[in-house]
Amino acid sequence: MLVAVGWVAAAGGAAWAILTEDTPGRVLVGLATLIAALLALHGTLARPRLTADSNGLILRRFASRRQWAWAEVNVRLVRTRRLGRQVSTLELDAEDDLVVLGWLDLGVPPEDVADALRELRT
């Protein structure tokens, strides 16, 4: 959903930048449109970040992918307090890497992903 909002914002900004007569505003909105389009593109290409099956986990990054067998990775659900509210993250602790994934990376609450990964691992 957030990626779709980014694409809509980029399209609206591009339309406004094309239709306006205000040159300084056109530059500022054009720059904001470019940033929104790049973020939406990253969200489109980098999803889904995490996939799992009975063999292990696959983590997609922007230009690469990492794969771990279940024996090579420890999955933890971590709850921390930030800005007065509790935030959950999913930590993947592999032999040489620590990856922290939040709701924005996963697309669903990390608690749901942790439960699903526990079921797959057994």
C-alpha atoms as a PDB file:
ATOM      1  CA  MET A   1       0.000   0.000   0.000  1.00  0.00           C
ATOM      2  CA  LEU A   2       2.766   2.440   0.906  1.00  0.00           C
ATOM      3  CA  VAL A   3       4.532   1.745  -2.382  1.00  0.00           C
ATOM      4  CA  ALA A   4       1.335   2.547  -4.275  1.00  0.00           C
ATOM      5  CA  VAL A   5       1.050   5.840  -2.379  1.00  0.00           C
ATOM      6  CA  GLY A   6       4.626   6.632  -3.445  1.00  0.00           C
ATOM      7  CA  TRP A   7       3.791   6.022  -7.106  1.00  0.00           C
ATOM      8  CA  VAL A   8       0.640   8.171  -6.865  1.00  0.00           C
ATOM      9  CA  ALA A   9       2.635  10.965  -5.197  1.00  0.00           C
ATOM     10  CA  ALA A  10       5.280  10.758  -7.935  1.00  0.00           C
ATOM     11  CA  ALA A  11       2.639  10.905 -10.674  1.00  0.00           C
ATOM     12  CA  GLY A  12       0.846  13.829  -9.031  1.00  0.00           C
ATOM     13  CA  GLY A  13       4.111  15.706  -8.523  1.00  0.00           C
ATOM     14  CA  ALA A  14       5.121  15.130 -12.137  1.00  0.00           C
ATOM     15  CA  ALA A  15       1.761  16.396 -13.384  1.00  0.00           C
ATOM     16  CA  TRP A  16       1.993  19.493 -11.184  1.00  0.00           C
ATOM     17  CA  ALA A  17       5.580  20.184 -12.270  1.00  0.00           C
ATOM     18  CA  ILE A  18       4.559  19.974 -15.933  1.00  0.00           C
ATOM     19  CA  LEU A  19       1.449  22.135 -15.598  1.00  0.00           C
ATOM     20  CA  THR A  20       2.779  24.907 -13.372  1.00  0.00           C
ATOM     21  CA  GLU A  21       4.265  28.182 -14.548  1.00  0.00           C
ATOM     22  CA  ASP A  22       6.271  28.707 -11.335  1.00  0.00           C
ATOM     23  CA  THR A  23       9.910  27.857 -12.188  1.00  0.00           C
ATOM     24  CA  PRO A  24      11.310  27.642  -8.625  1.00  0.00           C
ATOM     25  CA  GLY A  25       8.285  25.574  -7.573  1.00  0.00           C
ATOM     26  CA  ARG A  26       8.754  23.352 -10.598  1.00  0.00           C
ATOM     27  CA  VAL A  27      12.352  22.643  -9.550  1.00  0.00           C
ATOM     28  CA  LEU A  28      11.411  21.865  -5.945  1.00  0.00           C
ATOM     29  CA  VAL A  29       8.435  19.689  -6.847  1.00  0.00           C
ATOM     30  CA  GLY A  30      10.481  17.999  -9.562  1.00  0.00           C
ATOM     31  CA  LEU A  31      13.136  17.099  -7.019  1.00  0.00           C
ATOM     32  CA  ALA A  32      10.517  15.807  -4.562  1.00  0.00           C
ATOM     33  CA  THR A  33       8.911  13.829  -7.390  1.00  0.00           C
ATOM     34  CA  LEU A  34      12.237  12.252  -8.293  1.00  0.00           C
ATOM     35  CA  ILE A  35      12.829  11.218  -4.677  1.00  0.00           C
ATOM     36  CA  ALA A  36       9.304   9.777  -4.366  1.00  0.00           C
ATOM     37  CA  ALA A  37       9.731   7.863  -7.628  1.00  0.00           C
ATOM     38  CA  LEU A  38      13.094   6.428  -6.533  1.00  0.00           C
ATOM     39  CA  LEU A  39      11.693   5.322  -3.176  1.00  0.00           C
ATOM     40  CA  ALA A  40       8.651   3.761  -4.852  1.00  0.00           C
ATOM     41  CA  LEU A  41      10.920   2.007  -7.362  1.00  0.00           C
ATOM     42  CA  HIS A  42      13.016   0.593  -4.532  1.00  0.00           C
ATOM     43  CA  GLY A  43       9.871  -0.603  -2.771  1.00  0.00           C
ATOM     44  CA  THR A  44       8.664  -2.222  -5.976  1.00  0.00           C
ATOM     45  CA  LEU A  45      11.910  -3.991  -6.844  1.00  0.00           C
ATOM     46  CA  ALA A  46      12.994  -5.032  -3.356  1.00  0.00           C
ATOM     47  CA  ARG A  47       9.755  -6.765  -2.400  1.00  0.00           C
ATOM     48  CA  PRO A  48       9.190  -9.320  -1.087  1.00  0.00           C
ATOM     49  CA  ARG A  49      12.279  -8.873   1.086  1.00  0.00           C
ATOM     50  CA  LEU A  50      11.954 -12.186   2.894  1.00  0.00           C
ATOM     51  CA  THR A  51      10.793 -15.546   1.605  1.00  0.00           C
ATOM     52  CA  ALA A  52      10.944 -18.853   3.424  1.00  0.00           C
ATOM     53  CA  ASP A  53      10.287 -22.509   2.779  1.00  0.00           C
ATOM     54  CA  SER A  54      11.149 -25.813   4.432  1.00  0.00           C
ATOM     55  CA  ASN A  55      14.799 -25.467   3.337  1.00  0.00           C
ATOM     56  CA  GLY A  56      15.500 -22.026   4.834  1.00  0.00           C
ATOM     57  CA  LEU A  57      15.277 -18.268   4.262  1.00  0.00           C
ATOM     58  CA  ILE A  58      15.981 -16.035   1.280  1.00  0.00           C
ATOM     59  CA  LEU A  59      16.535 -12.315   1.838  1.00  0.00           C
ATOM     60  CA  ARG A  60      16.340  -9.995  -1.157  1.00  0.00           C
ATOM     61  CA  ARG A  61      18.370  -6.846  -1.166  1.00  0.00           C
ATOM     62  CA  PHE A  62      18.349  -4.180  -3.830  1.00  0.00           C
ATOM     63  CA  ALA A  63      21.051  -5.779  -6.010  1.00  0.00           C
ATOM     64  CA  SER A  64      21.663  -9.152  -4.370  1.00  0.00           C
ATOM     65  CA  ARG A  65      20.100 -11.971  -2.459  1.00  0.00           C
ATOM     66  CA  ARG A  66      21.211 -14.016   0.552  1.00  0.00           C
ATOM     67  CA  GLN A  67      20.113 -17.540   1.327  1.00  0.00           C
ATOM     68  CA  TRP A  68      20.473 -19.386   4.617  1.00  0.00           C
ATOM     69  CA  ALA A  69      19.524 -22.892   5.674  1.00  0.00           C
ATOM     70  CA  TRP A  70      17.509 -23.079   8.894  1.00  0.00           C
ATOM     71  CA  ALA A  71      20.554 -24.358  10.791  1.00  0.00           C
ATOM     72  CA  GLU A  72      22.544 -21.237   9.806  1.00  0.00           C
ATOM     73  CA  VAL A  73      20.126 -18.581  11.047  1.00  0.00           C
ATOM     74  CA  ASN A  74      18.524 -17.642  14.344  1.00  0.00           C
ATOM     75  CA  VAL A  75      15.209 -15.769  14.086  1.00  0.00           C
ATOM     76  CA  ARG A  76      14.184 -13.465  16.954  1.00  0.00           C
ATOM     77  CA  LEU A  77      11.289 -11.138  17.535  1.00  0.00           C
ATOM     78  CA  VAL A  78      12.542  -8.017  19.360  1.00  0.00           C
ATOM     79  CA  ARG A  79      10.292  -5.440  20.999  1.00  0.00           C
ATOM     80  CA  THR A  80      11.690  -2.006  21.815  1.00  0.00           C
ATOM     81  CA  ARG A  81      10.168   1.245  23.010  1.00  0.00           C
ATOM     82  CA  ARG A  82      10.479   4.153  20.581  1.00  0.00           C
ATOM     83  CA  LEU A  83       8.803   7.536  20.788  1.00  0.00           C
ATOM     84  CA  GLY A  84       6.483   6.328  23.539  1.00  0.00           C
ATOM     85  CA  ARG A  85       5.226   3.239  21.776  1.00  0.00           C
ATOM     86  CA  GLN A  86       6.337  -0.342  21.440  1.00  0.00           C
ATOM     87  CA  VAL A  87       7.872  -1.326  18.102  1.00  0.00           C
ATOM     88  CA  SER A  88       8.503  -4.903  16.972  1.00  0.00           C
ATOM     89  CA  THR A  89      11.287  -5.968  14.638  1.00  0.00           C
ATOM     90  CA  LEU A  90      12.376  -9.313  13.287  1.00  0.00           C
ATOM     91  CA  GLU A  91      16.078 -10.077  13.644  1.00  0.00           C
ATOM     92  CA  LEU A  92      17.814 -12.631  11.464  1.00  0.00           C
ATOM     93  CA  ASP A  93      21.100 -13.527  13.110  1.00  0.00           C
ATOM     94  CA  ALA A  94      23.168 -15.549  10.663  1.00  0.00           C
ATOM     95  CA  GLU A  95      26.776 -16.657  10.922  1.00  0.00           C
ATOM     96  CA  ASP A  96      28.198 -13.454   9.447  1.00  0.00           C
ATOM     97  CA  ASP A  97      25.262 -11.089   9.227  1.00  0.00           C
ATOM     98  CA  LEU A  98      22.592  -9.455  11.384  1.00  0.00           C
ATOM     99  CA  VAL A  99      19.517  -8.297   9.502  1.00  0.00           C
ATOM    100  CA  VAL A 100      16.775  -6.278  11.198  1.00  0.00           C
ATOM    101  CA  LEU A 101      13.413  -6.145   9.420  1.00  0.00           C
ATOM    102  CA  GLY A 102      10.470  -4.002  10.442  1.00  0.00           C
ATOM    103  CA  TRP A 103       6.883  -3.698   9.368  1.00  0.00           C
ATOM    104  CA  LEU A 104       7.814  -1.597   6.355  1.00  0.00           C
ATOM    105  CA  ASP A 105      10.281  -4.233   5.113  1.00  0.00           C
ATOM    106  CA  LEU A 106       7.927  -7.155   5.688  1.00  0.00           C
ATOM    107  CA  GLY A 107       4.593  -5.615   4.686  1.00  0.00           C
ATOM    108  CA  VAL A 108       2.890  -7.277   7.670  1.00  0.00           C
ATOM    109  CA  PRO A 109       3.481  -7.134  11.420  1.00  0.00           C
ATOM    110  CA  PRO A 110       6.759  -8.823  12.419  1.00  0.00           C
ATOM    111  CA  GLU A 111       4.850 -10.918  14.988  1.00  0.00           C
ATOM    112  CA  ASP A 112       2.912 -12.614  12.179  1.00  0.00           C
ATOM    113  CA  VAL A 113       6.111 -13.325  10.248  1.00  0.00           C
ATOM    114  CA  ALA A 114       7.832 -14.727  13.342  1.00  0.00           C
ATOM    115  CA  ASP A 115       4.892 -17.102  13.944  1.00  0.00           C
ATOM    116  CA  ALA A 116       4.921 -18.251  10.319  1.00  0.00           C
ATOM    117  CA  LEU A 117       8.689 -18.811  10.395  1.00  0.00           C
ATOM    118  CA  ARG A 118       8.392 -20.872  13.599  1.00  0.00           C
ATOM    119  CA  GLU A 119       5.826 -23.100  11.887  1.00  0.00           C
ATOM    120  CA  LEU A 120       8.025 -23.543   8.810  1.00  0.00           C
ATOM    121  CA  ARG A 121      11.113 -24.302  10.842  1.00  0.00           C
ATOM    122  CA  THR A 122       9.558 -27.213  12.727  1.00  0.00           C
END
